[in-house]
Amino acid sequence: MNIAPNILTAVNEWLTPAFDNETQAAIKEMMTTSPKDLEESFYKNLEFGTGGMRGIMGVGSNRINKYTLGRNTQGLSDYMHKVFPNQALKVAIAYDCRHNSNTLAKVVADVFSANGIHVYLFSDMRPTPELSFALKHLGCQCGIVLTASHNPPEYNGYKVYWEDGGQIVPPQDAEIIAMIESLDYAKIKFHANEKLIEYIDTEIDNAFIKSSIENASFNTPAEAKEDLQIVFTSLHGTSIKSIPPTLSQAGYTNVHIVPEQAVPNGDFPTVKSPNPEEPEALTMALVLADKTNSDIVVGTDPDCDRLGVAVRNNEGEMILLNGNQTMILMTSFLLQEWKKAGKINGKQFIGSTIVSTPMMMELATSYDVECKVGLTGFKWIAKMIKDFPELEFIGGGEESFGFMVGDAVRDKDAVAATLLICEMAAQAKANGSSVYKELLNLYVEHGFYKEHLVALTKKGIEGLQEINQMMINLRENPVKEIDGQRVIMVEDYQSSTALNLLSGEVSEMTIPKSNVLIYYTEDGSKICARPSGTEPKIKFYISVNTELYSVEDFDSTDAILDKKIKNIIAAMQLN
């Protein structure tokens, strides 16, 4: 068979004694029966993206397996010894419900311990936000989560957190990656020092739940909590470990759990995708909500960092909120509560990302707090907290159904966010309102912002080339007009430049480089193009807005914005 030289080099490396017989046999089998699989498995090394490293499980340098994760961990161990000389090194490790997560977590623990690093390893699956909390709680320099979030069942992943509790960011990530890339597989120390591996569970769980309740509770009367009917689904994931006990201890007594989805299962058998961004994922929860006449539905992804929310509209029908809407609602509620408590004095900020709703800026202005905007991913919001210690972080989120309440957890956290949205729902209901009515009131007060995401899936080598070519075309032949509206500004985060198309002026941007383009039109619309950092997709984030003069005008105004979004999709040929 014809094998490209670069792939042959990688394959030959994996056929040396550094790799076990089972791995070598699987590679030889692919060489004879599945040349396409061989190419996909070896054409590149797995890379760190927006949410760490994710990939399909299997043999090869472009797959998740004991060797790719072992190499990561060996490189990370070497880096820790370099940057923390003469310190007692400690690392915390958690894992989710996916196939092989527990065994891969033990491999990672083995390598750390073999390098003289004390390991705190959760005894069973846990939500990703609990790892961020545990890392700081235990005084570790580093933390690892084995998870692929809401990716399909064949995926797994590896997320690296640092001593502040946030994920690694530049330039540190490049330094770690350089150490990993220069490492020979034969140098991986797989033989554990079991004395350095300590299993953790209930004590950390209790501290995490206590912290979540402290951060996300706001003097909601007990009777209001008891009156709120909640449907919750863990979508076969880890949140079943933390969210029901958190709600219970916070005083919410009417929580209806979707029984068919309550058992953790890496096959996610009742859904096409365990992603609360997908409406289909919450179908069973919505059915249960109607049976129980519940007020609110909350569903979380497998590693419990994202949440999807559904509430009743003015006609009593359950409707799904998008990530921008839940972010606006929770941020507004936090700001109200902080103001009510006299805690806002101009030294606070909220956080958002470049692909999220611009309405966050309007909220910040109205409460006299700053809104800091970073690249996609909560590691950038966590970095804001680290970079501005003189400011208090209130909360923040991004459009992809994630939210962070305070700084106890430095990543998106569906545990505290679930409690927070229930607090808001309970108070609204007790006051004769609802979450939906509160959202419409926010649109009247701050402007009606409506967002839409178009995600185009492009798999494999050809897909990656197609995505790259789309971004090249958008850069080299920038769109001048969209839906009859002139494009007035183009921000290119790869070149760190903003081009004003009216004046021709080019200004530099200080946000770190990233493969993202944003178009702004003269009517205030915003279109962002960005290849996903975790999935084989290119994403287009569309935001349009107008004034909403009254709640009664919502439906007609919503139709106008809907049409505008459809016209933008057609104009940019995204359908």
Protein backbone atom coordinates (compact mmCIF):
# COMPACT_ATOMS: atom_id res chain seq x y z
CA MET A 1 0.00 0.00 0.00
CA ASN A 2 1.04 3.62 -0.56
CA ILE A 3 1.66 5.44 2.73
CA ALA A 4 2.65 9.13 2.78
CA PRO A 5 6.21 9.61 4.16
CA ASN A 6 5.10 11.65 7.20
CA ILE A 7 2.50 9.01 8.12
CA LEU A 8 4.98 6.17 7.58
CA THR A 9 7.44 7.86 9.94
CA ALA A 10 4.80 8.14 12.65
CA VAL A 11 3.60 4.55 12.09
CA ASN A 12 7.14 3.15 12.31
CA GLU A 13 7.67 4.93 15.60
CA TRP A 14 4.57 3.20 16.98
CA LEU A 15 5.92 -0.19 15.86
CA THR A 16 8.91 0.04 18.21
CA PRO A 17 9.21 -1.72 21.61
CA ALA A 18 8.03 1.45 23.41
CA PHE A 19 4.49 0.36 22.44
CA ASP A 20 2.80 -2.83 23.63
CA ASN A 21 2.08 -5.83 21.41
CA GLU A 22 -1.65 -5.12 21.30
CA THR A 23 -1.06 -1.61 19.91
CA GLN A 24 1.43 -2.84 17.32
CA ALA A 25 -0.92 -5.61 16.20
CA ALA A 26 -3.79 -3.11 15.76
CA ILE A 27 -1.56 -0.88 13.61
CA LYS A 28 -0.45 -3.78 11.40
CA GLU A 29 -4.09 -4.77 10.97
CA MET A 30 -4.95 -1.22 9.85
CA MET A 31 -2.04 -1.22 7.40
CA THR A 32 -3.49 -4.20 5.57
CA THR A 33 -7.24 -3.68 5.92
CA SER A 34 -7.96 0.00 6.64
CA PRO A 35 -5.45 2.38 4.99
CA LYS A 36 -7.89 5.29 5.34
CA ASP A 37 -8.20 4.67 9.10
CA LEU A 38 -4.41 4.46 9.33
CA GLU A 39 -4.10 7.84 7.62
CA GLU A 40 -6.71 9.44 9.91
CA SER A 41 -5.00 7.94 12.99
CA PHE A 42 -1.50 9.18 12.17
CA TYR A 43 -1.67 12.22 9.88
CA LYS A 44 -1.12 14.60 12.80
CA ASN A 45 -0.67 14.71 16.56
CA LEU A 46 -3.75 15.51 18.63
CA GLU A 47 -3.72 19.23 19.44
CA PHE A 48 -4.86 21.32 22.38
CA GLY A 49 -7.93 23.33 21.31
CA THR A 50 -10.46 25.62 23.02
CA GLY A 51 -11.39 23.02 25.65
CA GLY A 52 -8.14 21.06 25.95
CA MET A 53 -7.47 17.98 23.86
CA ARG A 54 -10.30 15.87 22.44
CA GLY A 55 -10.29 13.04 19.96
CA ILE A 56 -11.56 9.64 18.95
CA MET A 57 -10.27 6.78 21.10
CA GLY A 58 -8.00 4.30 19.33
CA VAL A 59 -4.37 3.70 18.39
CA GLY A 60 -2.27 6.39 16.75
CA SER A 61 -0.87 9.85 17.33
CA ASN A 62 -4.20 11.47 16.34
CA ARG A 63 -6.19 9.36 18.80
CA ILE A 64 -6.86 9.29 22.53
CA ASN A 65 -5.02 6.36 24.11
CA LYS A 66 -2.64 5.53 26.95
CA TYR A 67 0.37 6.68 24.92
CA THR A 68 -0.90 10.07 23.75
CA LEU A 69 -2.20 10.84 27.25
CA GLY A 70 0.90 9.31 28.84
CA ARG A 71 3.10 11.55 26.71
CA ASN A 72 1.01 14.60 27.65
CA THR A 73 1.33 13.71 31.31
CA GLN A 74 5.07 13.03 31.14
CA GLY A 75 5.64 16.38 29.43
CA LEU A 76 3.42 18.10 31.97
CA SER A 77 5.30 16.40 34.84
CA ASP A 78 8.63 17.61 33.42
CA TYR A 79 7.19 21.12 33.06
CA MET A 80 5.91 21.14 36.65
CA HIS A 81 9.34 20.14 37.98
CA LYS A 82 10.85 22.96 35.92
CA VAL A 83 8.49 25.79 36.99
CA PHE A 84 7.98 24.68 40.60
CA PRO A 85 11.52 23.71 41.65
CA ASN A 86 12.01 22.40 45.18
CA GLN A 87 8.25 22.36 45.83
CA ALA A 88 6.09 19.45 46.90
CA LEU A 89 4.10 18.89 43.73
CA LYS A 90 0.40 17.98 43.85
CA VAL A 91 -2.15 17.30 41.13
CA ALA A 92 -5.89 16.53 41.19
CA ILE A 93 -7.52 14.23 38.62
CA ALA A 94 -11.20 13.75 37.78
CA TYR A 95 -12.99 11.89 35.02
CA ASP A 96 -16.45 11.63 33.51
CA CYS A 97 -18.84 8.84 32.47
CA ARG A 98 -17.26 8.08 29.11
CA HIS A 99 -15.90 4.72 28.06
CA ASN A 100 -12.33 4.21 29.33
CA SER A 101 -12.35 7.47 31.33
CA ASN A 102 -11.63 5.66 34.60
CA THR A 103 -8.79 3.53 33.17
CA LEU A 104 -7.26 6.48 31.30
CA ALA A 105 -7.47 8.57 34.49
CA LYS A 106 -5.51 5.84 36.31
CA VAL A 107 -2.88 5.84 33.53
CA VAL A 108 -2.50 9.60 33.99
CA ALA A 109 -2.30 9.19 37.78
CA ASP A 110 0.34 6.47 37.35
CA VAL A 111 2.57 8.69 35.21
CA PHE A 112 2.33 11.65 37.59
CA SER A 113 3.10 9.45 40.58
CA ALA A 114 6.02 7.81 38.75
CA ASN A 115 7.44 11.33 38.43
CA GLY A 116 7.26 11.92 42.19
CA ILE A 117 4.06 14.01 42.09
CA HIS A 118 1.36 13.48 44.73
CA VAL A 119 -1.95 12.63 43.03
CA TYR A 120 -5.46 13.24 44.37
CA LEU A 121 -7.62 10.94 42.22
CA PHE A 122 -11.41 10.96 42.50
CA SER A 123 -12.64 7.47 43.38
CA ASP A 124 -15.48 7.71 40.86
CA MET A 125 -16.72 10.03 38.09
CA ARG A 126 -17.27 13.67 39.04
CA PRO A 127 -18.43 16.90 37.33
CA THR A 128 -15.67 18.88 35.65
CA PRO A 129 -16.32 22.03 37.75
CA GLU A 130 -15.64 20.01 40.91
CA LEU A 131 -12.11 19.38 39.64
CA SER A 132 -11.48 23.13 39.30
CA PHE A 133 -12.78 23.58 42.85
CA ALA A 134 -10.82 20.61 44.26
CA LEU A 135 -7.55 21.80 42.73
CA LYS A 136 -7.69 25.08 44.65
CA HIS A 137 -9.22 23.50 47.75
CA LEU A 138 -6.34 21.02 48.01
CA GLY A 139 -3.61 23.50 47.07
CA CYS A 140 -2.54 21.69 43.88
CA GLN A 141 -0.40 23.20 41.15
CA CYS A 142 -2.24 21.35 38.40
CA GLY A 143 -5.46 19.46 37.63
CA ILE A 144 -6.60 17.10 34.89
CA VAL A 145 -10.09 16.09 33.75
CA LEU A 146 -10.64 13.14 31.44
CA THR A 147 -13.69 14.24 29.43
CA ALA A 148 -14.90 15.01 25.92
CA SER A 149 -17.86 17.08 27.12
CA HIS A 150 -20.80 16.46 24.75
CA ASN A 151 -18.87 14.90 21.85
CA PRO A 152 -20.09 11.54 20.45
CA PRO A 153 -19.46 8.31 22.45
CA GLU A 154 -16.28 7.37 20.57
CA TYR A 155 -14.50 10.49 21.87
CA ASN A 156 -12.55 11.22 25.03
CA GLY A 157 -10.33 14.08 26.09
CA TYR A 158 -7.82 15.67 28.42
CA LYS A 159 -8.22 19.11 29.99
CA VAL A 160 -5.38 20.76 31.90
CA TYR A 161 -6.00 23.21 34.76
CA TRP A 162 -3.41 25.32 36.57
CA GLU A 163 -3.01 26.43 40.17
CA ASP A 164 -5.55 29.28 39.88
CA GLY A 165 -8.23 26.71 38.97
CA GLY A 166 -8.50 27.84 35.34
CA GLN A 167 -7.43 26.03 32.19
CA ILE A 168 -3.99 26.69 30.77
CA VAL A 169 -3.68 29.70 28.45
CA PRO A 170 -0.87 31.26 26.34
CA PRO A 171 2.04 31.48 26.63
CA GLN A 172 2.06 28.65 29.15
CA ASP A 173 0.15 26.24 26.90
CA ALA A 174 2.76 26.64 24.14
CA GLU A 175 5.57 25.97 26.63
CA ILE A 176 3.87 22.78 27.84
CA ILE A 177 3.05 21.65 24.29
CA ALA A 178 6.69 22.22 23.24
CA MET A 179 7.88 19.95 26.07
CA ILE A 180 5.34 17.30 25.10
CA GLU A 181 6.20 17.45 21.38
CA SER A 182 9.93 17.07 22.07
CA LEU A 183 9.34 13.98 24.20
CA ASP A 184 10.13 10.48 22.99
CA TYR A 185 7.36 7.97 23.78
CA ALA A 186 9.99 5.66 25.28
CA LYS A 187 10.62 8.26 28.01
CA ILE A 188 7.09 7.95 29.47
CA LYS A 189 7.18 6.62 33.03
CA PHE A 190 4.15 4.35 33.25
CA HIS A 191 5.07 2.47 36.44
CA ALA A 192 3.10 4.03 39.30
CA ASN A 193 4.29 4.89 42.76
CA GLU A 194 1.02 3.83 44.42
CA LYS A 195 2.06 5.49 47.70
CA LEU A 196 1.67 8.86 45.98
CA ILE A 197 -1.90 8.20 44.73
CA GLU A 198 -4.59 9.30 47.20
CA TYR A 199 -8.26 8.68 46.44
CA ILE A 200 -10.72 11.49 47.24
CA ASP A 201 -14.51 11.63 47.34
CA THR A 202 -17.09 12.65 49.99
CA GLU A 203 -15.07 15.30 51.80
CA ILE A 204 -14.45 17.22 48.56
CA ASP A 205 -18.06 16.67 47.42
CA ASN A 206 -19.39 18.25 50.62
CA ALA A 207 -17.06 21.24 50.36
CA PHE A 208 -17.95 21.74 46.68
CA ILE A 209 -21.71 21.63 47.30
CA LYS A 210 -21.37 23.99 50.29
CA SER A 211 -19.40 26.44 48.13
CA SER A 212 -21.95 26.20 45.28
CA ILE A 213 -24.80 27.05 47.65
CA GLU A 214 -22.88 29.97 49.17
CA ASN A 215 -22.13 31.45 45.74
CA ALA A 216 -25.48 30.93 44.02
CA SER A 217 -28.09 31.46 46.79
CA PHE A 218 -29.72 34.86 47.30
CA ASN A 219 -32.12 34.91 50.25
CA THR A 220 -34.95 33.22 48.37
CA PRO A 221 -37.78 32.51 50.86
CA ALA A 222 -38.21 28.83 51.78
CA GLU A 223 -41.83 28.81 50.62
CA ALA A 224 -40.77 30.17 47.19
CA LYS A 225 -38.24 27.35 46.85
CA GLU A 226 -40.81 24.75 47.85
CA ASP A 227 -43.31 26.17 45.36
CA LEU A 228 -40.97 25.84 42.38
CA GLN A 229 -41.44 22.66 40.35
CA ILE A 230 -38.17 21.62 38.68
CA VAL A 231 -37.42 18.91 36.11
CA PHE A 232 -33.77 17.89 35.94
CA THR A 233 -31.90 15.56 33.59
CA SER A 234 -28.23 14.63 33.75
CA LEU A 235 -28.33 13.20 30.18
CA HIS A 236 -26.52 10.06 31.44
CA GLY A 237 -23.67 12.19 32.80
CA THR A 238 -21.84 13.16 35.96
CA SER A 239 -24.17 15.91 37.19
CA ILE A 240 -26.35 13.29 38.90
CA LYS A 241 -23.58 13.23 41.54
CA SER A 242 -23.85 16.91 42.45
CA ILE A 243 -26.93 18.78 41.23
CA PRO A 244 -29.70 16.82 43.05
CA PRO A 245 -27.90 17.05 46.43
CA THR A 246 -27.10 20.74 45.83
CA LEU A 247 -30.73 21.60 45.08
CA SER A 248 -31.91 19.51 48.04
CA GLN A 249 -29.50 21.12 50.51
CA ALA A 250 -30.42 24.57 49.14
CA GLY A 251 -34.08 23.90 49.99
CA TYR A 252 -35.60 22.87 46.66
CA THR A 253 -37.91 19.97 47.48
CA ASN A 254 -39.81 19.49 44.19
CA VAL A 255 -37.14 18.17 41.83
CA HIS A 256 -38.33 15.63 39.26
CA ILE A 257 -35.40 13.68 37.77
CA VAL A 258 -35.79 12.04 34.34
CA PRO A 259 -35.30 8.41 35.43
CA GLU A 260 -34.29 7.00 32.03
CA GLN A 261 -31.38 9.47 31.82
CA ALA A 262 -30.28 9.40 35.47
CA VAL A 263 -27.90 6.44 35.13
CA PRO A 264 -24.43 7.46 33.84
CA ASN A 265 -23.75 5.77 30.50
CA GLY A 266 -21.05 6.61 27.97
CA ASP A 267 -23.25 5.41 25.10
CA PHE A 268 -25.85 8.14 25.90
CA PRO A 269 -28.58 5.72 24.74
CA THR A 270 -31.64 8.00 24.90
CA VAL A 271 -30.27 10.93 22.87
CA LYS A 272 -28.63 11.53 19.49
CA SER A 273 -26.23 13.91 21.20
CA PRO A 274 -25.86 14.53 24.96
CA ASN A 275 -25.63 18.26 24.31
CA PRO A 276 -28.15 20.60 25.98
CA GLU A 277 -27.55 23.01 23.09
CA GLU A 278 -29.51 20.54 20.93
CA PRO A 279 -33.29 20.82 21.51
CA GLU A 280 -33.74 17.06 20.97
CA ALA A 281 -31.59 16.30 24.03
CA LEU A 282 -34.24 17.74 26.37
CA THR A 283 -37.25 16.00 24.77
CA MET A 284 -37.79 13.52 27.62
CA ALA A 285 -37.38 16.27 30.21
CA LEU A 286 -40.00 18.41 28.48
CA VAL A 287 -42.46 15.50 28.48
CA LEU A 288 -41.89 15.03 32.22
CA ALA A 289 -42.33 18.79 32.76
CA ASP A 290 -45.81 18.67 31.22
CA LYS A 291 -46.72 15.58 33.26
CA THR A 292 -45.65 17.27 36.51
CA ASN A 293 -46.77 20.80 35.53
CA SER A 294 -43.23 22.00 36.27
CA ASP A 295 -42.03 25.58 35.96
CA ILE A 296 -38.51 24.98 34.70
CA VAL A 297 -36.41 22.28 33.01
CA VAL A 298 -32.63 22.03 33.41
CA GLY A 299 -30.43 19.55 31.52
CA THR A 300 -26.65 19.28 31.71
CA ASP A 301 -24.03 17.77 29.44
CA PRO A 302 -22.02 14.66 30.44
CA ASP A 303 -19.27 16.51 32.34
CA CYS A 304 -21.70 18.99 33.92
CA ASP A 305 -20.26 22.27 32.75
CA ARG A 306 -23.04 23.32 30.31
CA LEU A 307 -26.73 23.62 31.04
CA GLY A 308 -29.81 23.88 28.86
CA VAL A 309 -32.90 25.59 30.30
CA ALA A 310 -36.56 25.53 29.31
CA VAL A 311 -39.28 27.69 30.88
CA ARG A 312 -42.96 28.38 30.29
CA ASN A 313 -43.92 31.24 27.99
CA ASN A 314 -46.93 33.51 28.47
CA GLU A 315 -49.20 30.83 26.98
CA GLY A 316 -47.93 28.23 29.46
CA GLU A 317 -45.93 26.29 26.85
CA MET A 318 -42.42 25.06 27.57
CA ILE A 319 -39.84 26.81 25.37
CA LEU A 320 -36.09 26.26 25.21
CA LEU A 321 -33.85 29.23 25.95
CA ASN A 322 -30.58 29.60 24.08
CA GLY A 323 -27.21 30.11 25.75
CA ASN A 324 -27.23 33.88 25.24
CA GLN A 325 -30.66 34.17 26.85
CA THR A 326 -29.74 32.12 29.93
CA MET A 327 -26.51 34.11 30.24
CA ILE A 328 -28.39 37.43 30.11
CA LEU A 329 -30.98 36.25 32.64
CA MET A 330 -28.43 34.93 35.13
CA THR A 331 -26.11 37.92 34.76
CA SER A 332 -28.99 40.37 35.24
CA PHE A 333 -30.17 38.48 38.33
CA LEU A 334 -26.68 38.48 39.82
CA LEU A 335 -26.28 42.21 39.16
CA GLN A 336 -29.66 42.94 40.77
CA GLU A 337 -28.75 40.91 43.84
CA TRP A 338 -25.31 42.45 44.18
CA LYS A 339 -26.81 45.93 43.85
CA LYS A 340 -29.53 45.10 46.39
CA ALA A 341 -26.81 43.99 48.82
CA GLY A 342 -24.86 47.23 48.26
CA LYS A 343 -21.89 45.33 46.85
CA ILE A 344 -21.45 47.29 43.60
CA ASN A 345 -18.99 50.18 43.89
CA GLY A 346 -17.39 50.41 40.44
CA LYS A 347 -14.74 47.77 41.21
CA GLN A 348 -16.62 44.78 39.79
CA PHE A 349 -16.80 43.15 36.37
CA ILE A 350 -18.70 40.57 34.39
CA GLY A 351 -17.14 38.40 31.70
CA SER A 352 -18.16 37.38 28.19
CA THR A 353 -16.64 36.26 24.88
CA ILE A 354 -16.34 37.68 21.38
CA VAL A 355 -18.94 35.25 19.97
CA SER A 356 -21.56 35.96 22.64
CA THR A 357 -24.40 38.50 22.72
CA PRO A 358 -23.39 42.19 22.79
CA MET A 359 -26.31 42.65 25.22
CA MET A 360 -23.84 41.82 28.02
CA MET A 361 -22.23 45.23 27.42
CA GLU A 362 -25.62 46.93 27.82
CA LEU A 363 -26.21 45.16 31.14
CA ALA A 364 -22.78 46.11 32.44
CA THR A 365 -23.28 49.78 31.55
CA SER A 366 -26.66 49.94 33.27
CA TYR A 367 -25.17 48.64 36.54
CA ASP A 368 -21.93 50.63 36.32
CA VAL A 369 -19.71 47.56 36.16
CA GLU A 370 -17.15 46.64 33.53
CA CYS A 371 -17.76 43.93 30.93
CA LYS A 372 -14.54 42.25 29.88
CA VAL A 373 -14.68 40.33 26.61
CA GLY A 374 -12.24 37.57 25.68
CA LEU A 375 -11.76 34.81 23.16
CA THR A 376 -14.09 31.81 23.07
CA GLY A 377 -13.70 29.50 26.06
CA PHE A 378 -13.95 29.94 29.79
CA LYS A 379 -10.19 29.74 30.22
CA TRP A 380 -10.17 33.36 29.02
CA ILE A 381 -12.75 34.42 31.60
CA ALA A 382 -10.71 32.63 34.28
CA LYS A 383 -7.65 34.53 33.03
CA MET A 384 -9.53 37.83 33.48
CA ILE A 385 -9.96 37.03 37.18
CA LYS A 386 -6.24 36.30 37.48
CA ASP A 387 -5.18 39.36 35.47
CA PHE A 388 -7.37 41.85 37.37
CA PRO A 389 -7.08 40.93 41.07
CA GLU A 390 -8.14 44.46 42.04
CA LEU A 391 -11.62 43.79 40.55
CA GLU A 392 -14.32 41.47 41.86
CA PHE A 393 -15.76 38.97 39.41
CA ILE A 394 -19.55 38.78 39.63
CA GLY A 395 -20.27 36.20 36.94
CA GLY A 396 -20.11 35.59 33.25
CA GLY A 397 -20.75 33.25 30.40
CA GLU A 398 -20.74 32.54 26.72
CA GLU A 399 -23.29 31.55 24.12
CA SER A 400 -22.44 27.84 24.26
CA PHE A 401 -24.67 27.26 27.31
CA GLY A 402 -22.00 27.85 29.94
CA PHE A 403 -21.98 30.14 32.95
CA MET A 404 -19.67 30.88 35.87
CA VAL A 405 -20.95 32.24 39.20
CA GLY A 406 -18.21 34.01 41.17
CA ASP A 407 -14.66 32.69 41.23
CA ALA A 408 -14.80 29.55 43.43
CA VAL A 409 -14.81 27.54 40.19
CA ARG A 410 -12.70 28.98 37.37
CA ASP A 411 -14.59 27.29 34.55
CA LYS A 412 -18.15 27.02 33.33
CA ASP A 413 -20.12 25.34 36.08
CA ALA A 414 -23.57 23.82 35.64
CA VAL A 415 -23.90 23.06 39.36
CA ALA A 416 -23.88 26.65 40.61
CA ALA A 417 -25.61 27.85 37.43
CA THR A 418 -28.49 25.40 37.91
CA LEU A 419 -29.02 26.64 41.45
CA LEU A 420 -28.77 30.25 40.28
CA ILE A 421 -31.43 29.92 37.56
CA CYS A 422 -33.70 28.12 40.05
CA GLU A 423 -33.22 30.98 42.52
CA MET A 424 -34.26 33.43 39.84
CA ALA A 425 -37.24 31.29 38.79
CA ALA A 426 -38.42 30.83 42.39
CA GLN A 427 -38.24 34.55 43.15
CA ALA A 428 -39.95 35.49 39.88
CA LYS A 429 -42.80 33.04 40.51
CA ALA A 430 -43.23 34.27 44.08
CA ASN A 431 -43.51 37.84 42.74
CA GLY A 432 -46.18 36.90 40.17
CA SER A 433 -43.73 36.94 37.28
CA SER A 434 -41.76 34.22 35.44
CA VAL A 435 -38.33 33.71 33.91
CA TYR A 436 -39.84 34.30 30.47
CA LYS A 437 -41.50 37.57 31.51
CA GLU A 438 -38.23 38.73 33.07
CA LEU A 439 -36.45 38.05 29.75
CA LEU A 440 -38.96 40.16 27.79
CA ASN A 441 -38.63 42.97 30.33
CA LEU A 442 -34.84 42.90 29.82
CA TYR A 443 -35.36 43.25 26.05
CA VAL A 444 -37.59 46.28 26.57
CA GLU A 445 -35.08 47.86 28.94
CA HIS A 446 -31.80 47.11 27.16
CA GLY A 447 -32.72 46.35 23.52
CA PHE A 448 -33.85 43.15 21.84
CA TYR A 449 -30.76 41.17 20.88
CA LYS A 450 -31.30 37.93 19.00
CA GLU A 451 -28.59 35.42 18.15
CA HIS A 452 -28.35 32.40 15.88
CA LEU A 453 -25.60 29.82 15.37
CA VAL A 454 -24.87 28.06 12.09
CA ALA A 455 -22.45 25.13 12.54
CA LEU A 456 -21.19 23.35 9.42
CA THR A 457 -19.64 19.92 10.08
CA LYS A 458 -16.57 19.04 7.96
CA LYS A 459 -14.96 15.77 9.06
CA GLY A 460 -11.49 14.33 8.48
CA ILE A 461 -8.51 15.62 6.51
CA GLU A 462 -10.63 16.94 3.64
CA GLY A 463 -12.97 18.64 6.08
CA LEU A 464 -10.09 20.43 7.81
CA GLN A 465 -8.80 21.62 4.42
CA GLU A 466 -12.28 22.86 3.50
CA ILE A 467 -12.63 24.79 6.76
CA ASN A 468 -9.19 26.36 6.27
CA GLN A 469 -10.10 27.38 2.71
CA MET A 470 -13.37 28.97 3.87
CA MET A 471 -11.45 31.16 6.34
CA ILE A 472 -8.89 32.07 3.65
CA ASN A 473 -11.71 33.10 1.28
CA LEU A 474 -13.38 35.23 3.96
CA ARG A 475 -10.06 36.98 4.61
CA GLU A 476 -8.91 37.46 1.03
CA ASN A 477 -12.35 38.35 -0.35
CA PRO A 478 -14.06 40.09 2.57
CA VAL A 479 -17.81 40.58 2.32
CA LYS A 480 -18.62 44.25 1.68
CA GLU A 481 -22.39 44.07 2.06
CA ILE A 482 -24.74 41.69 3.89
CA ASP A 483 -28.51 41.79 3.42
CA GLY A 484 -28.35 45.30 1.97
CA GLN A 485 -26.30 46.59 4.89
CA ARG A 486 -22.74 47.83 4.41
CA VAL A 487 -20.05 46.05 6.40
CA ILE A 488 -18.38 48.87 8.33
CA MET A 489 -15.79 46.97 10.37
CA VAL A 490 -13.87 43.69 10.03
CA GLU A 491 -11.98 42.33 13.03
CA ASP A 492 -9.35 39.70 12.22
CA TYR A 493 -8.15 38.05 15.39
CA GLN A 494 -5.47 36.10 13.52
CA SER A 495 -3.68 39.28 12.46
CA SER A 496 -4.89 41.23 15.55
CA THR A 497 -6.24 44.00 13.31
CA ALA A 498 -9.55 45.83 13.01
CA LEU A 499 -10.23 47.39 9.62
CA ASN A 500 -12.70 50.30 9.40
CA LEU A 501 -14.11 49.95 5.89
CA LEU A 502 -15.54 53.50 5.91
CA SER A 503 -12.31 55.30 6.78
CA GLY A 504 -9.78 52.64 5.74
CA GLU A 505 -8.18 52.97 9.18
CA VAL A 506 -6.52 49.86 10.60
CA SER A 507 -6.16 49.53 14.38
CA GLU A 508 -4.43 46.89 16.45
CA MET A 509 -6.34 44.63 18.86
CA THR A 510 -4.86 43.47 22.14
CA ILE A 511 -6.81 40.20 22.49
CA PRO A 512 -4.55 37.15 21.83
CA LYS A 513 -4.39 35.81 18.29
CA SER A 514 -7.04 33.32 17.19
CA ASN A 515 -8.48 32.11 13.90
CA VAL A 516 -11.61 34.26 14.12
CA LEU A 517 -13.18 36.89 11.83
CA ILE A 518 -15.98 39.24 12.84
CA TYR A 519 -18.01 41.44 10.46
CA TYR A 520 -20.04 44.40 11.79
CA THR A 521 -22.74 46.01 9.63
CA GLU A 522 -24.10 49.53 9.74
CA ASP A 523 -27.39 48.43 11.35
CA GLY A 524 -25.57 46.88 14.34
CA SER A 525 -25.57 43.26 13.17
CA LYS A 526 -22.54 41.11 13.95
CA ILE A 527 -21.39 37.96 12.11
CA CYS A 528 -18.51 35.94 13.48
CA ALA A 529 -16.74 33.08 11.64
CA ARG A 530 -14.71 30.66 13.74
CA PRO A 531 -13.47 27.08 13.28
CA SER A 532 -14.33 25.04 16.38
CA GLY A 533 -11.46 24.20 18.71
CA THR A 534 -13.01 20.91 19.83
CA GLU A 535 -15.11 19.56 16.95
CA PRO A 536 -14.73 19.20 13.13
CA LYS A 537 -16.92 22.25 12.51
CA ILE A 538 -16.82 25.82 11.32
CA LYS A 539 -19.23 28.03 13.23
CA PHE A 540 -20.95 31.26 12.22
CA TYR A 541 -22.39 33.32 15.07
CA ILE A 542 -25.01 35.84 13.99
CA SER A 543 -26.30 38.62 16.25
CA VAL A 544 -28.98 41.15 15.27
CA ASN A 545 -30.82 43.71 17.37
CA THR A 546 -33.47 46.39 17.47
CA GLU A 547 -35.53 48.26 20.02
CA LEU A 548 -38.48 46.54 21.69
CA TYR A 549 -40.94 49.23 22.70
CA SER A 550 -43.24 47.01 24.76
CA VAL A 551 -43.72 43.39 25.77
CA GLU A 552 -46.84 43.33 23.59
CA ASP A 553 -44.66 44.04 20.52
CA PHE A 554 -42.43 41.01 21.15
CA ASP A 555 -43.88 38.60 18.56
CA SER A 556 -43.90 41.10 15.69
CA THR A 557 -40.39 42.37 16.53
CA ASP A 558 -39.14 38.79 16.91
CA ALA A 559 -40.43 38.03 13.39
CA ILE A 560 -38.52 41.03 12.02
CA LEU A 561 -35.25 39.86 13.61
CA ASP A 562 -35.89 36.28 12.46
CA LYS A 563 -36.22 37.49 8.88
CA LYS A 564 -33.03 39.51 9.21
CA ILE A 565 -31.13 36.40 10.40
CA LYS A 566 -32.50 34.31 7.51
CA ASN A 567 -31.45 36.99 5.04
CA ILE A 568 -27.91 37.06 6.48
CA ILE A 569 -27.67 33.25 6.22
CA ALA A 570 -28.82 33.41 2.58
CA ALA A 571 -26.52 36.33 1.73
CA MET A 572 -23.48 34.50 3.11
CA GLN A 573 -24.58 31.17 1.56
CA LEU A 574 -24.54 29.34 4.88
CA ASN A 575 -27.59 27.16 4.25
